[in-house]
Amino acid sequence: MKAVLLATQVGEFSKRLAAEIGIGTKRSA
């Protein structure tokens, strides 16, 4: 159960991180 929760949190975090990186690259481009 903990592993699933951790995986979900990591997935959400990486999604958010990817979105922020995408926004950053769009701004600098």
N, C-alpha and C. Protein backbone atom coordinates (compact mmCIF):
# COMPACT_ATOMS: atom_id res chain seq x y z
N MET A 1 0.84 -1.21 0.00
CA MET A 1 0.00 0.00 0.00
C MET A 1 0.88 1.26 0.00
N LYS A 2 1.89 1.24 0.85
CA LYS A 2 2.78 2.41 0.91
C LYS A 2 3.50 2.61 -0.42
N ALA A 3 3.90 1.50 -1.04
CA ALA A 3 4.63 1.60 -2.31
C ALA A 3 3.75 2.24 -3.38
N VAL A 4 2.47 1.87 -3.39
CA VAL A 4 1.54 2.42 -4.38
C VAL A 4 1.37 3.92 -4.15
N LEU A 5 1.22 4.30 -2.88
CA LEU A 5 1.05 5.71 -2.55
C LEU A 5 2.28 6.50 -2.95
N LEU A 6 3.45 5.92 -2.68
CA LEU A 6 4.71 6.59 -3.02
C LEU A 6 4.82 6.76 -4.53
N ALA A 7 4.48 5.71 -5.25
CA ALA A 7 4.56 5.77 -6.71
C ALA A 7 3.62 6.84 -7.26
N THR A 8 2.45 6.96 -6.66
CA THR A 8 1.49 7.97 -7.09
C THR A 8 2.04 9.37 -6.84
N GLN A 9 2.62 9.55 -5.66
CA GLN A 9 3.19 10.87 -5.33
C GLN A 9 4.33 11.22 -6.27
N VAL A 10 5.17 10.24 -6.56
CA VAL A 10 6.30 10.47 -7.47
C VAL A 10 5.77 10.81 -8.86
N GLY A 11 4.73 10.12 -9.29
CA GLY A 11 4.14 10.37 -10.60
C GLY A 11 3.59 11.79 -10.69
N GLU A 12 2.87 12.20 -9.64
CA GLU A 12 2.31 13.55 -9.62
C GLU A 12 3.43 14.59 -9.62
N PHE A 13 4.46 14.30 -8.83
CA PHE A 13 5.59 15.24 -8.72
C PHE A 13 6.29 15.40 -10.06
N SER A 14 6.54 14.28 -10.73
CA SER A 14 7.25 14.33 -12.02
C SER A 14 6.39 15.03 -13.07
N LYS A 15 5.06 14.84 -12.98
CA LYS A 15 4.16 15.51 -13.93
C LYS A 15 4.24 17.03 -13.73
N ARG A 16 4.20 17.43 -12.46
CA ARG A 16 4.26 18.85 -12.12
C ARG A 16 5.60 19.43 -12.56
N LEU A 17 6.66 18.66 -12.31
CA LEU A 17 8.01 19.10 -12.67
C LEU A 17 8.11 19.27 -14.18
N ALA A 18 7.59 18.31 -14.92
CA ALA A 18 7.64 18.36 -16.38
C ALA A 18 6.86 19.57 -16.89
N ALA A 19 5.72 19.84 -16.26
CA ALA A 19 4.90 20.98 -16.67
C ALA A 19 5.65 22.29 -16.43
N GLU A 20 6.31 22.38 -15.27
CA GLU A 20 7.06 23.60 -14.95
C GLU A 20 8.22 23.79 -15.91
N ILE A 21 8.89 22.69 -16.26
CA ILE A 21 10.01 22.76 -17.20
C ILE A 21 9.49 23.19 -18.57
N GLY A 22 8.34 22.64 -18.96
CA GLY A 22 7.75 23.00 -20.25
C GLY A 22 7.40 24.48 -20.30
N ILE A 23 6.82 25.00 -19.21
CA ILE A 23 6.48 26.42 -19.14
C ILE A 23 7.75 27.25 -19.21
N GLY A 24 8.78 26.81 -18.49
CA GLY A 24 10.04 27.55 -18.47
C GLY A 24 10.67 27.62 -19.85
N THR A 25 10.65 26.50 -20.58
CA THR A 25 11.26 26.49 -21.90
C THR A 25 10.45 27.34 -22.87
N LYS A 26 9.13 27.36 -22.70
CA LYS A 26 8.29 28.18 -23.57
C LYS A 26 8.60 29.66 -23.35
N ARG A 27 8.80 30.04 -22.09
CA ARG A 27 9.07 31.44 -21.76
C ARG A 27 10.41 31.88 -22.33
N SER A 28 11.41 31.03 -22.17
CA SER A 28 12.76 31.41 -22.62
C SER A 28 12.87 31.32 -24.15
N ALA A 29 12.02 30.54 -24.76
CA ALA A 29 12.09 30.36 -26.22
C ALA A 29 11.61 31.63 -26.94
